[in-house]
Amino acid sequence: MIEITKLNGKKFHLNALYIEKVEAFPDTTITLTNGKKYIVAESEDRVKEKIINFYQSIHLMGQPGWKDERNE
């Protein structure tokens, strides 16, 4: 889950696994796989960072700086 802020300042948690796309219109809009949309206060880049951090925390993406130990 990632913490996101609505435009009215209220924070909520969103399961990043269901995010289909993130766009800026100029407000950042998150579209889920079920078609539901959220307009949020965070920038598109900040949402991307949060998604990447979430994926890394559940081991769907490698951690930055990890090496393939088999090649050492």
N, C-alpha and C. Protein backbone atom coordinates (compact mmCIF):
# COMPACT_ATOMS: atom_id res chain seq x y z
N MET A 1 0.85 -1.18 0.00
CA MET A 1 0.00 0.00 0.00
C MET A 1 0.89 1.24 0.00
N ILE A 2 0.43 2.25 -0.70
CA ILE A 2 1.14 3.54 -0.71
C ILE A 2 0.21 4.60 -0.14
N GLU A 3 0.79 5.56 0.56
CA GLU A 3 0.00 6.65 1.12
C GLU A 3 -0.07 7.77 0.08
N ILE A 4 -1.29 8.21 -0.20
CA ILE A 4 -1.56 9.24 -1.20
C ILE A 4 -2.40 10.33 -0.54
N THR A 5 -2.32 11.55 -1.07
CA THR A 5 -3.07 12.67 -0.52
C THR A 5 -4.07 13.16 -1.56
N LYS A 6 -5.34 13.23 -1.16
CA LYS A 6 -6.36 13.81 -2.04
C LYS A 6 -6.13 15.32 -2.13
N LEU A 7 -6.76 15.95 -3.09
CA LEU A 7 -6.58 17.40 -3.25
C LEU A 7 -7.10 18.18 -2.05
N ASN A 8 -8.05 17.59 -1.29
CA ASN A 8 -8.57 18.27 -0.10
C ASN A 8 -7.67 18.08 1.13
N GLY A 9 -6.53 17.40 0.95
CA GLY A 9 -5.57 17.22 2.03
C GLY A 9 -5.71 15.92 2.81
N LYS A 10 -6.78 15.17 2.57
CA LYS A 10 -6.97 13.91 3.28
C LYS A 10 -6.08 12.84 2.69
N LYS A 11 -5.42 12.09 3.57
CA LYS A 11 -4.53 11.02 3.15
C LYS A 11 -5.29 9.70 3.15
N PHE A 12 -4.91 8.82 2.24
CA PHE A 12 -5.48 7.47 2.20
C PHE A 12 -4.44 6.52 1.64
N HIS A 13 -4.69 5.24 1.81
CA HIS A 13 -3.76 4.23 1.32
C HIS A 13 -4.36 3.53 0.12
N LEU A 14 -3.52 3.27 -0.86
CA LEU A 14 -3.95 2.68 -2.12
C LEU A 14 -3.04 1.49 -2.42
N ASN A 15 -3.64 0.38 -2.82
CA ASN A 15 -2.86 -0.79 -3.19
C ASN A 15 -2.24 -0.55 -4.56
N ALA A 16 -0.93 -0.39 -4.59
CA ALA A 16 -0.23 -0.05 -5.82
C ALA A 16 -0.28 -1.16 -6.86
N LEU A 17 -0.62 -2.36 -6.46
CA LEU A 17 -0.72 -3.46 -7.42
C LEU A 17 -1.87 -3.25 -8.41
N TYR A 18 -2.84 -2.43 -8.04
CA TYR A 18 -4.01 -2.19 -8.88
C TYR A 18 -3.90 -0.94 -9.74
N ILE A 19 -2.74 -0.27 -9.70
CA ILE A 19 -2.55 0.94 -10.50
C ILE A 19 -2.23 0.56 -11.94
N GLU A 20 -3.03 1.06 -12.86
CA GLU A 20 -2.81 0.81 -14.28
C GLU A 20 -1.97 1.91 -14.90
N LYS A 21 -2.29 3.19 -14.55
CA LYS A 21 -1.50 4.28 -15.09
C LYS A 21 -1.57 5.50 -14.18
N VAL A 22 -0.54 6.35 -14.32
CA VAL A 22 -0.45 7.61 -13.59
C VAL A 22 -0.18 8.68 -14.63
N GLU A 23 -1.03 9.73 -14.63
CA GLU A 23 -0.91 10.80 -15.61
C GLU A 23 -1.04 12.14 -14.91
N ALA A 24 -0.56 13.19 -15.58
CA ALA A 24 -0.71 14.55 -15.07
C ALA A 24 -1.50 15.36 -16.09
N PHE A 25 -2.59 15.98 -15.63
CA PHE A 25 -3.50 16.71 -16.54
C PHE A 25 -3.67 18.19 -16.26
N PRO A 26 -3.16 19.02 -15.50
CA PRO A 26 -1.89 18.95 -14.80
C PRO A 26 -1.96 18.26 -13.44
N ASP A 27 -3.17 18.09 -12.85
CA ASP A 27 -3.24 17.36 -11.58
C ASP A 27 -2.93 15.88 -11.84
N THR A 28 -2.27 15.27 -10.90
CA THR A 28 -1.91 13.86 -11.05
C THR A 28 -3.14 13.00 -10.90
N THR A 29 -3.38 12.16 -11.89
CA THR A 29 -4.53 11.27 -11.89
C THR A 29 -4.03 9.83 -11.92
N ILE A 30 -4.51 9.03 -10.96
CA ILE A 30 -4.17 7.62 -10.89
C ILE A 30 -5.38 6.84 -11.36
N THR A 31 -5.17 5.97 -12.34
CA THR A 31 -6.24 5.11 -12.84
C THR A 31 -5.95 3.68 -12.42
N LEU A 32 -6.95 3.05 -11.80
CA LEU A 32 -6.79 1.67 -11.36
C LEU A 32 -7.24 0.71 -12.46
N THR A 33 -6.92 -0.56 -12.28
CA THR A 33 -7.27 -1.57 -13.28
C THR A 33 -8.78 -1.74 -13.43
N ASN A 34 -9.56 -1.34 -12.42
CA ASN A 34 -11.02 -1.43 -12.52
C ASN A 34 -11.64 -0.17 -13.12
N GLY A 35 -10.81 0.79 -13.55
CA GLY A 35 -11.29 2.02 -14.17
C GLY A 35 -11.50 3.18 -13.21
N LYS A 36 -11.46 2.94 -11.90
CA LYS A 36 -11.64 4.02 -10.92
C LYS A 36 -10.45 4.96 -11.00
N LYS A 37 -10.73 6.27 -10.88
CA LYS A 37 -9.68 7.28 -10.96
C LYS A 37 -9.61 8.08 -9.66
N TYR A 38 -8.39 8.44 -9.30
CA TYR A 38 -8.13 9.29 -8.14
C TYR A 38 -7.29 10.46 -8.60
N ILE A 39 -7.69 11.67 -8.22
CA ILE A 39 -6.88 12.86 -8.47
C ILE A 39 -6.18 13.18 -7.15
N VAL A 40 -4.86 13.27 -7.20
CA VAL A 40 -4.07 13.38 -5.97
C VAL A 40 -3.16 14.59 -6.00
N ALA A 41 -2.68 14.97 -4.82
CA ALA A 41 -1.83 16.15 -4.66
C ALA A 41 -0.38 15.88 -5.05
N GLU A 42 0.07 14.63 -4.93
CA GLU A 42 1.46 14.31 -5.23
C GLU A 42 1.74 14.47 -6.72
N SER A 43 2.99 14.76 -7.04
CA SER A 43 3.38 14.85 -8.45
C SER A 43 3.43 13.45 -9.06
N GLU A 44 3.41 13.41 -10.37
CA GLU A 44 3.51 12.13 -11.08
C GLU A 44 4.81 11.41 -10.69
N ASP A 45 5.91 12.15 -10.61
CA ASP A 45 7.20 11.55 -10.24
C ASP A 45 7.18 11.01 -8.81
N ARG A 46 6.54 11.74 -7.90
CA ARG A 46 6.47 11.29 -6.50
C ARG A 46 5.65 10.01 -6.38
N VAL A 47 4.54 9.92 -7.12
CA VAL A 47 3.73 8.71 -7.11
C VAL A 47 4.55 7.54 -7.65
N LYS A 48 5.30 7.79 -8.72
CA LYS A 48 6.16 6.75 -9.30
C LYS A 48 7.17 6.25 -8.27
N GLU A 49 7.80 7.17 -7.53
CA GLU A 49 8.75 6.79 -6.48
C GLU A 49 8.08 5.90 -5.43
N LYS A 50 6.87 6.28 -5.02
CA LYS A 50 6.15 5.52 -4.01
C LYS A 50 5.82 4.11 -4.52
N ILE A 51 5.43 4.01 -5.80
CA ILE A 51 5.11 2.71 -6.38
C ILE A 51 6.37 1.83 -6.42
N ILE A 52 7.47 2.40 -6.88
CA ILE A 52 8.72 1.64 -6.95
C ILE A 52 9.15 1.18 -5.57
N ASN A 53 9.07 2.06 -4.56
CA ASN A 53 9.43 1.68 -3.20
C ASN A 53 8.54 0.56 -2.68
N PHE A 54 7.24 0.63 -3.01
CA PHE A 54 6.32 -0.43 -2.59
C PHE A 54 6.68 -1.75 -3.26
N TYR A 55 6.90 -1.73 -4.57
CA TYR A 55 7.27 -2.95 -5.28
C TYR A 55 8.56 -3.55 -4.71
N GLN A 56 9.53 -2.70 -4.40
CA GLN A 56 10.78 -3.20 -3.80
C GLN A 56 10.54 -3.79 -2.42
N SER A 57 9.62 -3.19 -1.66
CA SER A 57 9.37 -3.69 -0.30
C SER A 57 8.71 -5.06 -0.30
N ILE A 58 8.01 -5.40 -1.39
CA ILE A 58 7.39 -6.73 -1.46
C ILE A 58 8.16 -7.63 -2.44
N HIS A 59 9.36 -7.19 -2.81
CA HIS A 59 10.30 -7.96 -3.62
C HIS A 59 9.78 -8.27 -5.02
N LEU A 60 9.02 -7.35 -5.61
CA LEU A 60 8.64 -7.47 -7.01
C LEU A 60 9.66 -6.80 -7.92
N MET A 61 10.51 -5.96 -7.34
CA MET A 61 11.60 -5.32 -8.08
C MET A 61 12.85 -5.45 -7.23
N GLY A 62 13.99 -5.57 -7.88
CA GLY A 62 15.25 -5.65 -7.14
C GLY A 62 15.54 -4.34 -6.42
N GLN A 63 16.28 -4.44 -5.37
CA GLN A 63 16.70 -3.26 -4.63
C GLN A 63 17.81 -2.56 -5.41
N PRO A 64 17.83 -1.22 -5.40
CA PRO A 64 18.92 -0.52 -6.10
C PRO A 64 20.25 -0.92 -5.49
N GLY A 65 21.23 -1.21 -6.34
CA GLY A 65 22.55 -1.55 -5.85
C GLY A 65 22.75 -3.03 -5.58
N TRP A 66 21.69 -3.82 -5.68
CA TRP A 66 21.87 -5.27 -5.50
C TRP A 66 22.67 -5.81 -6.66
N LYS A 67 23.52 -6.78 -6.37
CA LYS A 67 24.33 -7.39 -7.41
C LYS A 67 23.90 -8.85 -7.55
N ASP A 68 24.09 -9.35 -8.73
CA ASP A 68 23.86 -10.77 -8.96
C ASP A 68 25.08 -11.50 -8.42
N GLU A 69 24.93 -12.12 -7.28
CA GLU A 69 26.07 -12.74 -6.60
C GLU A 69 26.66 -13.89 -7.39
N ARG A 70 25.92 -14.48 -8.31
CA ARG A 70 26.45 -15.57 -9.13
C ARG A 70 27.54 -15.10 -10.07
N ASN A 71 27.54 -13.79 -10.40
CA ASN A 71 28.52 -13.26 -11.34
C ASN A 71 29.78 -12.74 -10.65
N GLU A 72 29.87 -12.87 -9.36
CA GLU A 72 31.04 -12.35 -8.66
C GLU A 72 32.13 -13.37 -8.59
